[in-house]
C-alpha atoms as a PDB file:
ATOM      1  CA  UNK A   1       0.000   0.000   0.000  1.00  0.00           C
ATOM      2  CA  UNK A   2       1.460   3.350  -1.049  1.00  0.00           C
ATOM      3  CA  UNK A   3       1.820   6.369   1.154  1.00  0.00           C
ATOM      4  CA  UNK A   4      -1.042   8.828   1.117  1.00  0.00           C
ATOM      5  CA  UNK A   5      -0.237  12.193  -0.467  1.00  0.00           C
ATOM      6  CA  UNK A   6       0.255  15.145   1.800  1.00  0.00           C
ATOM      7  CA  UNK A   7      -2.958  17.119   1.974  1.00  0.00           C
ATOM      8  CA  UNK A   8      -4.135  20.550   3.026  1.00  0.00           C
ATOM      9  CA  UNK A   9      -7.437  22.404   2.996  1.00  0.00           C
ATOM     10  CA  UNK A  10      -7.677  26.173   3.013  1.00  0.00           C
ATOM     11  CA  UNK A  11     -10.746  27.768   4.627  1.00  0.00           C
ATOM     12  CA  UNK A  12     -11.042  31.287   3.260  1.00  0.00           C
ATOM     13  CA  UNK A  13     -13.350  34.220   2.767  1.00  0.00           C
ATOM     14  CA  UNK A  14     -13.399  36.778  -0.016  1.00  0.00           C
ATOM     15  CA  UNK A  15     -15.900  39.399  -1.016  1.00  0.00           C
ATOM     16  CA  UNK A  16     -16.896  43.023  -1.097  1.00  0.00           C
ATOM     17  CA  UNK A  17     -16.690  43.454   2.674  1.00  0.00           C
ATOM     18  CA  UNK A  18     -13.372  41.636   3.256  1.00  0.00           C
ATOM     19  CA  UNK A  19     -11.505  41.967  -0.050  1.00  0.00           C
ATOM     20  CA  UNK A  20      -9.902  39.329  -2.255  1.00  0.00           C
ATOM     21  CA  UNK A  21      -6.369  39.126  -0.861  1.00  0.00           C
ATOM     22  CA  UNK A  22      -7.035  35.965   1.145  1.00  0.00           C
ATOM     23  CA  UNK A  23      -8.414  34.228  -1.963  1.00  0.00           C
ATOM     24  CA  UNK A  24      -5.442  35.247  -4.094  1.00  0.00           C
ATOM     25  CA  UNK A  25      -2.863  34.158  -1.503  1.00  0.00           C
ATOM     26  CA  UNK A  26      -4.550  30.831  -0.730  1.00  0.00           C
ATOM     27  CA  UNK A  27      -5.115  29.982  -4.416  1.00  0.00           C
ATOM     28  CA  UNK A  28      -1.450  30.753  -5.155  1.00  0.00           C
ATOM     29  CA  UNK A  29      -0.276  28.551  -2.272  1.00  0.00           C
ATOM     30  CA  UNK A  30      -2.661  25.744  -3.269  1.00  0.00           C
ATOM     31  CA  UNK A  31      -1.474  25.823  -6.893  1.00  0.00           C
ATOM     32  CA  UNK A  32       2.187  25.694  -5.872  1.00  0.00           C
ATOM     33  CA  UNK A  33       1.602  22.895  -3.379  1.00  0.00           C
ATOM     34  CA  UNK A  34      -0.370  20.923  -5.994  1.00  0.00           C
ATOM     35  CA  UNK A  35       2.539  21.234  -8.400  1.00  0.00           C
ATOM     36  CA  UNK A  36       4.697  19.627  -5.703  1.00  0.00           C
ATOM     37  CA  UNK A  37       2.416  16.625  -5.249  1.00  0.00           C
ATOM     38  CA  UNK A  38       0.106  17.797  -2.458  1.00  0.00           C
ATOM     39  CA  UNK A  39      -3.669  17.247  -2.524  1.00  0.00           C
ATOM     40  CA  UNK A  40      -5.190  20.698  -1.985  1.00  0.00           C
ATOM     41  CA  UNK A  41      -8.705  22.025  -1.641  1.00  0.00           C
ATOM     42  CA  UNK A  42     -10.112  25.496  -1.080  1.00  0.00           C
ATOM     43  CA  UNK A  43     -13.276  25.921   1.002  1.00  0.00           C
ATOM     44  CA  UNK A  44     -15.398  29.016   1.432  1.00  0.00           C
ATOM     45  CA  UNK A  45     -18.794  30.645   1.293  1.00  0.00           C
ATOM     46  CA  UNK A  46     -20.985  30.915  -1.814  1.00  0.00           C
ATOM     47  CA  UNK A  47     -19.673  34.455  -2.398  1.00  0.00           C
ATOM     48  CA  UNK A  48     -16.069  33.221  -2.185  1.00  0.00           C
ATOM     49  CA  UNK A  49     -16.766  30.356  -4.607  1.00  0.00           C
ATOM     50  CA  UNK A  50     -18.403  32.756  -7.088  1.00  0.00           C
ATOM     51  CA  UNK A  51     -15.499  35.193  -6.941  1.00  0.00           C
ATOM     52  CA  UNK A  52     -12.968  32.392  -7.429  1.00  0.00           C
ATOM     53  CA  UNK A  53     -14.821  31.099 -10.488  1.00  0.00           C
ATOM     54  CA  UNK A  54     -15.155  34.583 -11.992  1.00  0.00           C
ATOM     55  CA  UNK A  55     -11.421  35.211 -11.518  1.00  0.00           C
ATOM     56  CA  UNK A  56     -10.435  31.781 -12.924  1.00  0.00           C
ATOM     57  CA  UNK A  57      -8.753  30.789  -9.667  1.00  0.00           C
ATOM     58  CA  UNK A  58      -8.736  27.278  -8.281  1.00  0.00           C
ATOM     59  CA  UNK A  59     -12.213  25.947  -7.604  1.00  0.00           C
ATOM     60  CA  UNK A  60     -13.567  26.690  -4.145  1.00  0.00           C
ATOM     61  CA  UNK A  61     -15.877  24.121  -2.567  1.00  0.00           C
ATOM     62  CA  UNK A  62     -18.825  25.964  -1.134  1.00  0.00           C
ATOM     63  CA  UNK A  63     -19.528  25.275   2.524  1.00  0.00           C
ATOM     64  CA  UNK A  64     -23.136  25.404   3.641  1.00  0.00           C
ATOM     65  CA  UNK A  65     -24.003  28.490   5.612  1.00  0.00           C
ATOM     66  CA  UNK A  66     -24.415  26.305   8.711  1.00  0.00           C
ATOM     67  CA  UNK A  67     -20.995  24.687   8.328  1.00  0.00           C
ATOM     68  CA  UNK A  68     -19.034  27.645   6.993  1.00  0.00           C
ATOM     69  CA  UNK A  69     -17.699  28.631  10.397  1.00  0.00           C
ATOM     70  CA  UNK A  70     -17.911  25.289  12.195  1.00  0.00           C
ATOM     71  CA  UNK A  71     -14.428  23.768  12.655  1.00  0.00           C
ATOM     72  CA  UNK A  72     -15.865  20.290  13.297  1.00  0.00           C
ATOM     73  CA  UNK A  73     -17.875  20.364  10.047  1.00  0.00           C
ATOM     74  CA  UNK A  74     -14.849  21.625   8.122  1.00  0.00           C
ATOM     75  CA  UNK A  75     -12.672  18.864   9.597  1.00  0.00           C
ATOM     76  CA  UNK A  76     -15.222  16.227   8.570  1.00  0.00           C
ATOM     77  CA  UNK A  77     -15.305  17.540   4.989  1.00  0.00           C
ATOM     78  CA  UNK A  78     -11.513  17.602   4.830  1.00  0.00           C
ATOM     79  CA  UNK A  79     -11.204  14.006   5.985  1.00  0.00           C
ATOM     80  CA  UNK A  80     -13.728  12.775   3.425  1.00  0.00           C
ATOM     81  CA  UNK A  81     -11.206  12.879   0.564  1.00  0.00           C
ATOM     82  CA  UNK A  82      -8.949  10.213   2.095  1.00  0.00           C
END
């Protein structure tokens, strides 16, 4: 059985009220880590996912409004890929 790839999930927000810097930085880090063999995923709100798609950044998985700020829900989603 082979070793599992290193993995990381980024929970981020972007939008009119908070700006887009967090999205840009996290997408850049995720792309670089992916190029080095990491499994990466970006997670955010519907607004964040829409902005990422419009800007042609890495896809952002939309978290439900209920789970968007719940660390336990985020952890469960992150573990589901393994």
